[in-house]
Amino acid sequence: MPTRQTPSVYSLQEAVGAAPGLAELQARIRLSQRCLDLVRERIPQALRTQVTAGPLQDAEWCLLVRSSAAAAKLRQLLPALRDALHESGAQVSAIRIKVQTPGR
């Protein structure tokens, strides 16, 4: 009687290690989150819950916000955010702000 083989189950770390594309994506996600950590202190406390780290690609970083009002305030803070990134040595040349629409 043949033995039944169970499908291989990989942990997330094993899957990332086996797929270079996933490893690159994971590194970009970590870098984007690090950028948010670097600028967090320059974002007013009341606005911090409205902002999440978005995609980072080709030295352009995107911040995702929950409302157009939060986006407007964040746009006023862009020079300070860029300064914080440059002071820390982050390789970000531009910051985009995008309003997230519910359900996306």
PDB file of N, CA and C in Angstrom:
ATOM      1  N   MET A   1       0.838  -1.175   0.000  1.00  0.00           N
ATOM      2  CA  MET A   1       0.000   0.000   0.000  1.00  0.00           C
ATOM      3  C   MET A   1       0.887   1.244   0.000  1.00  0.00           C
ATOM      4  N   PRO A   2       0.711   2.125  -0.967  1.00  0.00           N
ATOM      5  CA  PRO A   2       1.571   3.321  -1.042  1.00  0.00           C
ATOM      6  C   PRO A   2       1.276   4.261   0.120  1.00  0.00           C
ATOM      7  N   THR A   3       2.327   4.926   0.562  1.00  0.00           N
ATOM      8  CA  THR A   3       2.165   5.907   1.636  1.00  0.00           C
ATOM      9  C   THR A   3       1.734   7.227   1.050  1.00  0.00           C
ATOM     10  N   ARG A   4       0.941   7.888   1.773  1.00  0.00           N
ATOM     11  CA  ARG A   4       0.435   9.186   1.319  1.00  0.00           C
ATOM     12  C   ARG A   4       1.381  10.275   1.799  1.00  0.00           C
ATOM     13  N   GLN A   5       1.828  11.099   0.890  1.00  0.00           N
ATOM     14  CA  GLN A   5       2.728  12.193   1.255  1.00  0.00           C
ATOM     15  C   GLN A   5       1.917  13.423   1.591  1.00  0.00           C
ATOM     16  N   THR A   6       2.309  14.073   2.644  1.00  0.00           N
ATOM     17  CA  THR A   6       1.650  15.326   2.999  1.00  0.00           C
ATOM     18  C   THR A   6       2.359  16.452   2.277  1.00  0.00           C
ATOM     19  N   PRO A   7       1.612  17.450   1.864  1.00  0.00           N
ATOM     20  CA  PRO A   7       2.260  18.585   1.180  1.00  0.00           C
ATOM     21  C   PRO A   7       3.215  19.296   2.137  1.00  0.00           C
ATOM     22  N   SER A   8       4.270  19.815   1.575  1.00  0.00           N
ATOM     23  CA  SER A   8       5.242  20.548   2.388  1.00  0.00           C
ATOM     24  C   SER A   8       4.634  21.853   2.876  1.00  0.00           C
ATOM     25  N   VAL A   9       4.879  22.129   4.115  1.00  0.00           N
ATOM     26  CA  VAL A   9       4.402  23.373   4.707  1.00  0.00           C
ATOM     27  C   VAL A   9       5.638  24.186   5.077  1.00  0.00           C
ATOM     28  N   TYR A  10       5.665  25.419   4.608  1.00  0.00           N
ATOM     29  CA  TYR A  10       6.802  26.294   4.856  1.00  0.00           C
ATOM     30  C   TYR A  10       6.389  27.428   5.786  1.00  0.00           C
ATOM     31  N   SER A  11       7.318  27.815   6.617  1.00  0.00           N
ATOM     32  CA  SER A  11       7.081  29.018   7.413  1.00  0.00           C
ATOM     33  C   SER A  11       7.255  30.219   6.486  1.00  0.00           C
ATOM     34  N   LEU A  12       6.817  31.357   6.942  1.00  0.00           N
ATOM     35  CA  LEU A  12       6.974  32.567   6.128  1.00  0.00           C
ATOM     36  C   LEU A  12       8.445  32.826   5.846  1.00  0.00           C
ATOM     37  N   GLN A  13       9.282  32.669   6.841  1.00  0.00           N
ATOM     38  CA  GLN A  13      10.719  32.917   6.654  1.00  0.00           C
ATOM     39  C   GLN A  13      11.318  31.960   5.633  1.00  0.00           C
ATOM     40  N   GLU A  14      10.895  30.680   5.662  1.00  0.00           N
ATOM     41  CA  GLU A  14      11.395  29.705   4.690  1.00  0.00           C
ATOM     42  C   GLU A  14      10.934  30.062   3.281  1.00  0.00           C
ATOM     43  N   ALA A  15       9.687  30.477   3.147  1.00  0.00           N
ATOM     44  CA  ALA A  15       9.158  30.861   1.835  1.00  0.00           C
ATOM     45  C   ALA A  15       9.895  32.079   1.294  1.00  0.00           C
ATOM     46  N   VAL A  16      10.135  33.050   2.143  1.00  0.00           N
ATOM     47  CA  VAL A  16      10.856  34.259   1.725  1.00  0.00           C
ATOM     48  C   VAL A  16      12.276  33.905   1.318  1.00  0.00           C
ATOM     49  N   GLY A  17      12.912  33.024   2.086  1.00  0.00           N
ATOM     50  CA  GLY A  17      14.278  32.620   1.764  1.00  0.00           C
ATOM     51  C   GLY A  17      14.369  31.854   0.458  1.00  0.00           C
ATOM     52  N   ALA A  18      13.312  31.154   0.102  1.00  0.00           N
ATOM     53  CA  ALA A  18      13.314  30.351  -1.120  1.00  0.00           C
ATOM     54  C   ALA A  18      12.941  31.162  -2.360  1.00  0.00           C
ATOM     55  N   ALA A  19      12.383  32.332  -2.178  1.00  0.00           N
ATOM     56  CA  ALA A  19      11.940  33.134  -3.314  1.00  0.00           C
ATOM     57  C   ALA A  19      12.589  34.517  -3.246  1.00  0.00           C
ATOM     58  N   PRO A  20      13.547  34.780  -4.117  1.00  0.00           N
ATOM     59  CA  PRO A  20      14.233  36.081  -4.087  1.00  0.00           C
ATOM     60  C   PRO A  20      13.291  37.274  -4.211  1.00  0.00           C
ATOM     61  N   GLY A  21      12.227  37.138  -4.992  1.00  0.00           N
ATOM     62  CA  GLY A  21      11.268  38.238  -5.146  1.00  0.00           C
ATOM     63  C   GLY A  21      10.587  38.575  -3.836  1.00  0.00           C
ATOM     64  N   LEU A  22      10.241  37.544  -3.073  1.00  0.00           N
ATOM     65  CA  LEU A  22       9.624  37.779  -1.763  1.00  0.00           C
ATOM     66  C   LEU A  22      10.609  38.402  -0.793  1.00  0.00           C
ATOM     67  N   ALA A  23      11.856  37.961  -0.861  1.00  0.00           N
ATOM     68  CA  ALA A  23      12.877  38.527   0.027  1.00  0.00           C
ATOM     69  C   ALA A  23      13.063  40.019  -0.250  1.00  0.00           C
ATOM     70  N   GLU A  24      13.060  40.384  -1.531  1.00  0.00           N
ATOM     71  CA  GLU A  24      13.192  41.798  -1.894  1.00  0.00           C
ATOM     72  C   GLU A  24      11.983  42.601  -1.417  1.00  0.00           C
ATOM     73  N   LEU A  25      10.802  42.040  -1.584  1.00  0.00           N
ATOM     74  CA  LEU A  25       9.585  42.708  -1.128  1.00  0.00           C
ATOM     75  C   LEU A  25       9.611  42.900   0.380  1.00  0.00           C
ATOM     76  N   GLN A  26      10.011  41.872   1.105  1.00  0.00           N
ATOM     77  CA  GLN A  26      10.076  41.971   2.559  1.00  0.00           C
ATOM     78  C   GLN A  26      11.084  43.048   2.986  1.00  0.00           C
ATOM     79  N   ALA A  27      12.206  43.138   2.304  1.00  0.00           N
ATOM     80  CA  ALA A  27      13.207  44.161   2.628  1.00  0.00           C
ATOM     81  C   ALA A  27      12.650  45.558   2.378  1.00  0.00           C
ATOM     82  N   ARG A  28      11.910  45.735   1.284  1.00  0.00           N
ATOM     83  CA  ARG A  28      11.324  47.051   1.001  1.00  0.00           C
ATOM     84  C   ARG A  28      10.262  47.414   2.020  1.00  0.00           C
ATOM     85  N   ILE A  29       9.494  46.442   2.471  1.00  0.00           N
ATOM     86  CA  ILE A  29       8.480  46.699   3.501  1.00  0.00           C
ATOM     87  C   ILE A  29       9.153  47.127   4.800  1.00  0.00           C
ATOM     88  N   ARG A  30      10.212  46.438   5.170  1.00  0.00           N
ATOM     89  CA  ARG A  30      10.946  46.808   6.392  1.00  0.00           C
ATOM     90  C   ARG A  30      11.537  48.213   6.283  1.00  0.00           C
ATOM     91  N   LEU A  31      12.100  48.541   5.136  1.00  0.00           N
ATOM     92  CA  LEU A  31      12.682  49.870   4.941  1.00  0.00           C
ATOM     93  C   LEU A  31      11.608  50.949   4.993  1.00  0.00           C
ATOM     94  N   SER A  32      10.460  50.679   4.407  1.00  0.00           N
ATOM     95  CA  SER A  32       9.358  51.642   4.449  1.00  0.00           C
ATOM     96  C   SER A  32       8.905  51.871   5.890  1.00  0.00           C
ATOM     97  N   GLN A  33       8.786  50.805   6.655  1.00  0.00           N
ATOM     98  CA  GLN A  33       8.386  50.938   8.053  1.00  0.00           C
ATOM     99  C   GLN A  33       9.457  51.688   8.846  1.00  0.00           C
ATOM    100  N   ARG A  34      10.722  51.446   8.531  1.00  0.00           N
ATOM    101  CA  ARG A  34      11.813  52.167   9.201  1.00  0.00           C
ATOM    102  C   ARG A  34      11.719  53.673   8.909  1.00  0.00           C
ATOM    103  N   CYS A  35      11.397  54.014   7.671  1.00  0.00           N
ATOM    104  CA  CYS A  35      11.228  55.425   7.323  1.00  0.00           C
ATOM    105  C   CYS A  35      10.110  56.049   8.145  1.00  0.00           C
ATOM    106  N   LEU A  36       9.010  55.339   8.297  1.00  0.00           N
ATOM    107  CA  LEU A  36       7.916  55.868   9.111  1.00  0.00           C
ATOM    108  C   LEU A  36       8.358  56.048  10.554  1.00  0.00           C
ATOM    109  N   ASP A  37       9.123  55.101  11.064  1.00  0.00           N
ATOM    110  CA  ASP A  37       9.637  55.228  12.430  1.00  0.00           C
ATOM    111  C   ASP A  37      10.527  56.463  12.576  1.00  0.00           C
ATOM    112  N   LEU A  38      11.289  56.778  11.520  1.00  0.00           N
ATOM    113  CA  LEU A  38      12.193  57.927  11.559  1.00  0.00           C
ATOM    114  C   LEU A  38      11.450  59.263  11.574  1.00  0.00           C
ATOM    115  N   VAL A  39      10.294  59.319  10.929  1.00  0.00           N
ATOM    116  CA  VAL A  39       9.564  60.591  10.844  1.00  0.00           C
ATOM    117  C   VAL A  39       8.426  60.698  11.850  1.00  0.00           C
ATOM    118  N   ARG A  40       8.117  59.628  12.535  1.00  0.00           N
ATOM    119  CA  ARG A  40       6.958  59.589  13.440  1.00  0.00           C
ATOM    120  C   ARG A  40       6.938  60.752  14.433  1.00  0.00           C
ATOM    121  N   GLU A  41       8.068  61.104  14.991  1.00  0.00           N
ATOM    122  CA  GLU A  41       8.128  62.187  15.984  1.00  0.00           C
ATOM    123  C   GLU A  41       7.792  63.553  15.389  1.00  0.00           C
ATOM    124  N   ARG A  42       7.905  63.696  14.089  1.00  0.00           N
ATOM    125  CA  ARG A  42       7.601  64.976  13.442  1.00  0.00           C
ATOM    126  C   ARG A  42       6.136  65.081  13.017  1.00  0.00           C
ATOM    127  N   ILE A  43       5.400  64.000  13.216  1.00  0.00           N
ATOM    128  CA  ILE A  43       3.966  63.992  12.896  1.00  0.00           C
ATOM    129  C   ILE A  43       3.205  64.232  14.191  1.00  0.00           C
ATOM    130  N   PRO A  44       2.283  65.192  14.220  1.00  0.00           N
ATOM    131  CA  PRO A  44       1.522  65.452  15.443  1.00  0.00           C
ATOM    132  C   PRO A  44       0.834  64.180  15.960  1.00  0.00           C
ATOM    133  N   GLN A  45       0.794  64.051  17.258  1.00  0.00           N
ATOM    134  CA  GLN A  45       0.232  62.866  17.909  1.00  0.00           C
ATOM    135  C   GLN A  45      -1.156  62.507  17.361  1.00  0.00           C
ATOM    136  N   ALA A  46      -2.017  63.491  17.219  1.00  0.00           N
ATOM    137  CA  ALA A  46      -3.387  63.233  16.753  1.00  0.00           C
ATOM    138  C   ALA A  46      -3.432  62.697  15.319  1.00  0.00           C
ATOM    139  N   LEU A  47      -2.411  62.960  14.548  1.00  0.00           N
ATOM    140  CA  LEU A  47      -2.371  62.548  13.144  1.00  0.00           C
ATOM    141  C   LEU A  47      -1.688  61.188  12.946  1.00  0.00           C
ATOM    142  N   ARG A  48      -0.915  60.753  13.916  1.00  0.00           N
ATOM    143  CA  ARG A  48      -0.129  59.518  13.757  1.00  0.00           C
ATOM    144  C   ARG A  48      -0.975  58.294  13.469  1.00  0.00           C
ATOM    145  N   THR A  49      -2.149  58.202  14.055  1.00  0.00           N
ATOM    146  CA  THR A  49      -2.990  57.024  13.824  1.00  0.00           C
ATOM    147  C   THR A  49      -3.592  57.019  12.421  1.00  0.00           C
ATOM    148  N   GLN A  50      -3.520  58.144  11.739  1.00  0.00           N
ATOM    149  CA  GLN A  50      -4.074  58.267  10.388  1.00  0.00           C
ATOM    150  C   GLN A  50      -3.075  57.891   9.298  1.00  0.00           C
ATOM    151  N   VAL A  51      -1.814  57.673   9.676  1.00  0.00           N
ATOM    152  CA  VAL A  51      -0.735  57.501   8.702  1.00  0.00           C
ATOM    153  C   VAL A  51      -0.142  56.097   8.803  1.00  0.00           C
ATOM    154  N   THR A  52       0.041  55.456   7.655  1.00  0.00           N
ATOM    155  CA  THR A  52       0.747  54.178   7.602  1.00  0.00           C
ATOM    156  C   THR A  52       1.792  54.228   6.494  1.00  0.00           C
ATOM    157  N   ALA A  53       2.802  53.390   6.647  1.00  0.00           N
ATOM    158  CA  ALA A  53       3.864  53.320   5.653  1.00  0.00           C
ATOM    159  C   ALA A  53       3.336  52.640   4.398  1.00  0.00           C
ATOM    160  N   GLY A  54       3.616  53.243   3.277  1.00  0.00           N
ATOM    161  CA  GLY A  54       3.207  52.679   2.000  1.00  0.00           C
ATOM    162  C   GLY A  54       4.409  52.177   1.232  1.00  0.00           C
ATOM    163  N   PRO A  55       4.249  51.977  -0.062  1.00  0.00           N
ATOM    164  CA  PRO A  55       5.328  51.422  -0.879  1.00  0.00           C
ATOM    165  C   PRO A  55       6.549  52.338  -0.948  1.00  0.00           C
ATOM    166  N   LEU A  56       7.694  51.717  -1.050  1.00  0.00           N
ATOM    167  CA  LEU A  56       8.965  52.415  -1.247  1.00  0.00           C
ATOM    168  C   LEU A  56       9.603  51.811  -2.489  1.00  0.00           C
ATOM    169  N   GLN A  57       9.774  52.647  -3.519  1.00  0.00           N
ATOM    170  CA  GLN A  57      10.310  52.148  -4.769  1.00  0.00           C
ATOM    171  C   GLN A  57      11.118  53.237  -5.450  1.00  0.00           C
ATOM    172  N   ASP A  58      12.308  52.880  -5.853  1.00  0.00           N
ATOM    173  CA  ASP A  58      13.180  53.807  -6.582  1.00  0.00           C
ATOM    174  C   ASP A  58      13.345  55.129  -5.842  1.00  0.00           C
ATOM    175  N   ALA A  59      13.607  55.074  -4.551  1.00  0.00           N
ATOM    176  CA  ALA A  59      13.841  56.237  -3.699  1.00  0.00           C
ATOM    177  C   ALA A  59      12.621  57.136  -3.546  1.00  0.00           C
ATOM    178  N   GLU A  60      11.456  56.657  -3.950  1.00  0.00           N
ATOM    179  CA  GLU A  60      10.214  57.397  -3.734  1.00  0.00           C
ATOM    180  C   GLU A  60       9.383  56.622  -2.719  1.00  0.00           C
ATOM    181  N   TRP A  61       9.011  57.304  -1.665  1.00  0.00           N
ATOM    182  CA  TRP A  61       8.276  56.677  -0.571  1.00  0.00           C
ATOM    183  C   TRP A  61       6.857  57.218  -0.551  1.00  0.00           C
ATOM    184  N   CYS A  62       5.911  56.354  -0.287  1.00  0.00           N
ATOM    185  CA  CYS A  62       4.511  56.750  -0.235  1.00  0.00           C
ATOM    186  C   CYS A  62       3.980  56.589   1.183  1.00  0.00           C
ATOM    187  N   LEU A  63       3.324  57.619   1.653  1.00  0.00           N
ATOM    188  CA  LEU A  63       2.627  57.558   2.936  1.00  0.00           C
ATOM    189  C   LEU A  63       1.142  57.431   2.649  1.00  0.00           C
ATOM    190  N   LEU A  64       0.503  56.495   3.311  1.00  0.00           N
ATOM    191  CA  LEU A  64      -0.925  56.272   3.137  1.00  0.00           C
ATOM    192  C   LEU A  64      -1.663  56.909   4.297  1.00  0.00           C
ATOM    193  N   VAL A  65      -2.692  57.690   3.993  1.00  0.00           N
ATOM    194  CA  VAL A  65      -3.471  58.358   5.034  1.00  0.00           C
ATOM    195  C   VAL A  65      -4.943  58.014   4.875  1.00  0.00           C
ATOM    196  N   ARG A  66      -5.695  58.169   5.941  1.00  0.00           N
ATOM    197  CA  ARG A  66      -7.095  57.740   5.954  1.00  0.00           C
ATOM    198  C   ARG A  66      -8.083  58.788   5.468  1.00  0.00           C
ATOM    199  N   SER A  67      -7.657  60.047   5.380  1.00  0.00           N
ATOM    200  CA  SER A  67      -8.610  61.078   4.963  1.00  0.00           C
ATOM    201  C   SER A  67      -7.887  62.179   4.200  1.00  0.00           C
ATOM    202  N   SER A  68      -8.666  62.933   3.449  1.00  0.00           N
ATOM    203  CA  SER A  68      -8.069  64.045   2.706  1.00  0.00           C
ATOM    204  C   SER A  68      -7.621  65.155   3.649  1.00  0.00           C
ATOM    205  N   ALA A  69      -8.295  65.308   4.787  1.00  0.00           N
ATOM    206  CA  ALA A  69      -7.870  66.315   5.765  1.00  0.00           C
ATOM    207  C   ALA A  69      -6.498  65.954   6.336  1.00  0.00           C
ATOM    208  N   ALA A  70      -6.302  64.673   6.638  1.00  0.00           N
ATOM    209  CA  ALA A  70      -4.999  64.225   7.144  1.00  0.00           C
ATOM    210  C   ALA A  70      -3.928  64.401   6.070  1.00  0.00           C
ATOM    211  N   ALA A  71      -4.280  64.147   4.815  1.00  0.00           N
ATOM    212  CA  ALA A  71      -3.334  64.320   3.717  1.00  0.00           C
ATOM    213  C   ALA A  71      -2.920  65.784   3.578  1.00  0.00           C
ATOM    214  N   ALA A  72      -3.874  66.687   3.710  1.00  0.00           N
ATOM    215  CA  ALA A  72      -3.567  68.120   3.596  1.00  0.00           C
ATOM    216  C   ALA A  72      -2.599  68.559   4.690  1.00  0.00           C
ATOM    217  N   LYS A  73      -2.840  68.117   5.909  1.00  0.00           N
ATOM    218  CA  LYS A  73      -1.947  68.480   7.019  1.00  0.00           C
ATOM    219  C   LYS A  73      -0.570  67.866   6.806  1.00  0.00           C
ATOM    220  N   LEU A  74      -0.540  66.617   6.360  1.00  0.00           N
ATOM    221  CA  LEU A  74       0.739  65.941   6.147  1.00  0.00           C
ATOM    222  C   LEU A  74       1.549  66.618   5.040  1.00  0.00           C
ATOM    223  N   ARG A  75       0.858  67.122   4.018  1.00  0.00           N
ATOM    224  CA  ARG A  75       1.565  67.833   2.937  1.00  0.00           C
ATOM    225  C   ARG A  75       2.290  69.067   3.477  1.00  0.00           C
ATOM    226  N   GLN A  76       1.708  69.712   4.480  1.00  0.00           N
ATOM    227  CA  GLN A  76       2.366  70.869   5.097  1.00  0.00           C
ATOM    228  C   GLN A  76       3.631  70.447   5.840  1.00  0.00           C
ATOM    229  N   LEU A  77       3.680  69.199   6.281  1.00  0.00           N
ATOM    230  CA  LEU A  77       4.818  68.706   7.045  1.00  0.00           C
ATOM    231  C   LEU A  77       5.907  68.073   6.186  1.00  0.00           C
ATOM    232  N   LEU A  78       5.695  67.976   4.879  1.00  0.00           N
ATOM    233  CA  LEU A  78       6.651  67.293   4.016  1.00  0.00           C
ATOM    234  C   LEU A  78       8.090  67.789   4.152  1.00  0.00           C
ATOM    235  N   PRO A  79       8.351  69.089   4.203  1.00  0.00           N
ATOM    236  CA  PRO A  79       9.748  69.517   4.368  1.00  0.00           C
ATOM    237  C   PRO A  79      10.383  68.957   5.649  1.00  0.00           C
ATOM    238  N   ALA A  80       9.658  68.954   6.743  1.00  0.00           N
ATOM    239  CA  ALA A  80      10.193  68.421   8.000  1.00  0.00           C
ATOM    240  C   ALA A  80      10.404  66.915   7.912  1.00  0.00           C
ATOM    241  N   LEU A  81       9.514  66.226   7.236  1.00  0.00           N
ATOM    242  CA  LEU A  81       9.654  64.779   7.086  1.00  0.00           C
ATOM    243  C   LEU A  81      10.868  64.442   6.220  1.00  0.00           C
ATOM    244  N   ARG A  82      11.042  65.190   5.127  1.00  0.00           N
ATOM    245  CA  ARG A  82      12.221  64.975   4.273  1.00  0.00           C
ATOM    246  C   ARG A  82      13.494  65.246   5.049  1.00  0.00           C
ATOM    247  N   ASP A  83      13.506  66.311   5.849  1.00  0.00           N
ATOM    248  CA  ASP A  83      14.679  66.618   6.660  1.00  0.00           C
ATOM    249  C   ASP A  83      15.010  65.478   7.617  1.00  0.00           C
ATOM    250  N   ALA A  84      13.992  64.923   8.260  1.00  0.00           N
ATOM    251  CA  ALA A  84      14.218  63.817   9.199  1.00  0.00           C
ATOM    252  C   ALA A  84      14.818  62.607   8.483  1.00  0.00           C
ATOM    253  N   LEU A  85      14.336  62.325   7.288  1.00  0.00           N
ATOM    254  CA  LEU A  85      14.878  61.194   6.533  1.00  0.00           C
ATOM    255  C   LEU A  85      16.311  61.441   6.102  1.00  0.00           C
ATOM    256  N   HIS A  86      16.592  62.641   5.625  1.00  0.00           N
ATOM    257  CA  HIS A  86      17.951  62.959   5.177  1.00  0.00           C
ATOM    258  C   HIS A  86      18.923  62.974   6.343  1.00  0.00           C
ATOM    259  N   GLU A  87      18.493  63.489   7.496  1.00  0.00           N
ATOM    260  CA  GLU A  87      19.359  63.506   8.679  1.00  0.00           C
ATOM    261  C   GLU A  87      19.742  62.101   9.118  1.00  0.00           C
ATOM    262  N   SER A  88      18.865  61.156   8.896  1.00  0.00           N
ATOM    263  CA  SER A  88      19.130  59.781   9.308  1.00  0.00           C
ATOM    264  C   SER A  88      19.856  58.982   8.229  1.00  0.00           C
ATOM    265  N   GLY A  89      20.021  59.575   7.053  1.00  0.00           N
ATOM    266  CA  GLY A  89      20.725  58.900   5.968  1.00  0.00           C
ATOM    267  C   GLY A  89      19.847  58.024   5.098  1.00  0.00           C
ATOM    268  N   ALA A  90      18.543  58.108   5.261  1.00  0.00           N
ATOM    269  CA  ALA A  90      17.630  57.311   4.438  1.00  0.00           C
ATOM    270  C   ALA A  90      17.726  57.769   2.986  1.00  0.00           C
ATOM    271  N   GLN A  91      17.710  56.822   2.081  1.00  0.00           N
ATOM    272  CA  GLN A  91      17.840  57.109   0.651  1.00  0.00           C
ATOM    273  C   GLN A  91      16.468  57.342   0.017  1.00  0.00           C
ATOM    274  N   VAL A  92      15.794  58.391   0.464  1.00  0.00           N
ATOM    275  CA  VAL A  92      14.478  58.743  -0.056  1.00  0.00           C
ATOM    276  C   VAL A  92      14.583  60.127  -0.671  1.00  0.00           C
ATOM    277  N   SER A  93      14.258  60.231  -1.957  1.00  0.00           N
ATOM    278  CA  SER A  93      14.367  61.525  -2.627  1.00  0.00           C
ATOM    279  C   SER A  93      13.016  62.221  -2.769  1.00  0.00           C
ATOM    280  N   ALA A  94      11.924  61.464  -2.640  1.00  0.00           N
ATOM    281  CA  ALA A  94      10.599  62.049  -2.773  1.00  0.00           C
ATOM    282  C   ALA A  94       9.616  61.310  -1.874  1.00  0.00           C
ATOM    283  N   ILE A  95       8.622  62.058  -1.389  1.00  0.00           N
ATOM    284  CA  ILE A  95       7.564  61.480  -0.572  1.00  0.00           C
ATOM    285  C   ILE A  95       6.234  61.811  -1.235  1.00  0.00           C
ATOM    286  N   ARG A  96       5.445  60.781  -1.476  1.00  0.00           N
ATOM    287  CA  ARG A  96       4.091  60.960  -2.000  1.00  0.00           C
ATOM    288  C   ARG A  96       3.104  60.693  -0.873  1.00  0.00           C
ATOM    289  N   ILE A  97       1.965  61.325  -0.929  1.00  0.00           N
ATOM    290  CA  ILE A  97       0.901  61.081   0.042  1.00  0.00           C
ATOM    291  C   ILE A  97      -0.318  60.607  -0.728  1.00  0.00           C
ATOM    292  N   LYS A  98      -0.866  59.504  -0.285  1.00  0.00           N
ATOM    293  CA  LYS A  98      -2.034  58.937  -0.964  1.00  0.00           C
ATOM    294  C   LYS A  98      -3.121  58.663   0.056  1.00  0.00           C
ATOM    295  N   VAL A  99      -4.333  59.107  -0.258  1.00  0.00           N
ATOM    296  CA  VAL A  99      -5.473  58.843   0.610  1.00  0.00           C
ATOM    297  C   VAL A  99      -5.984  57.450   0.302  1.00  0.00           C
ATOM    298  N   GLN A 100      -6.068  56.631   1.345  1.00  0.00           N
ATOM    299  CA  GLN A 100      -6.597  55.278   1.181  1.00  0.00           C
ATOM    300  C   GLN A 100      -8.115  55.342   1.123  1.00  0.00           C
ATOM    301  N   THR A 101      -8.656  54.609   0.189  1.00  0.00           N
ATOM    302  CA  THR A 101     -10.105  54.532   0.126  1.00  0.00           C
ATOM    303  C   THR A 101     -10.544  53.268   0.857  1.00  0.00           C
ATOM    304  N   PRO A 102     -11.638  53.311   1.581  1.00  0.00           N
ATOM    305  CA  PRO A 102     -12.102  52.139   2.324  1.00  0.00           C
ATOM    306  C   PRO A 102     -12.303  50.936   1.396  1.00  0.00           C
ATOM    307  N   GLY A 103     -11.900  49.783   1.896  1.00  0.00           N
ATOM    308  CA  GLY A 103     -12.084  48.569   1.129  1.00  0.00           C
ATOM    309  C   GLY A 103     -10.960  48.261   0.165  1.00  0.00           C
ATOM    310  N   ARG A 104      -9.934  49.061   0.138  1.00  0.00           N
ATOM    311  CA  ARG A 104      -8.801  48.799  -0.764  1.00  0.00           C
ATOM    312  C   ARG A 104      -7.590  48.437   0.019  1.00  0.00           C
TER     313      ARG A 104
END
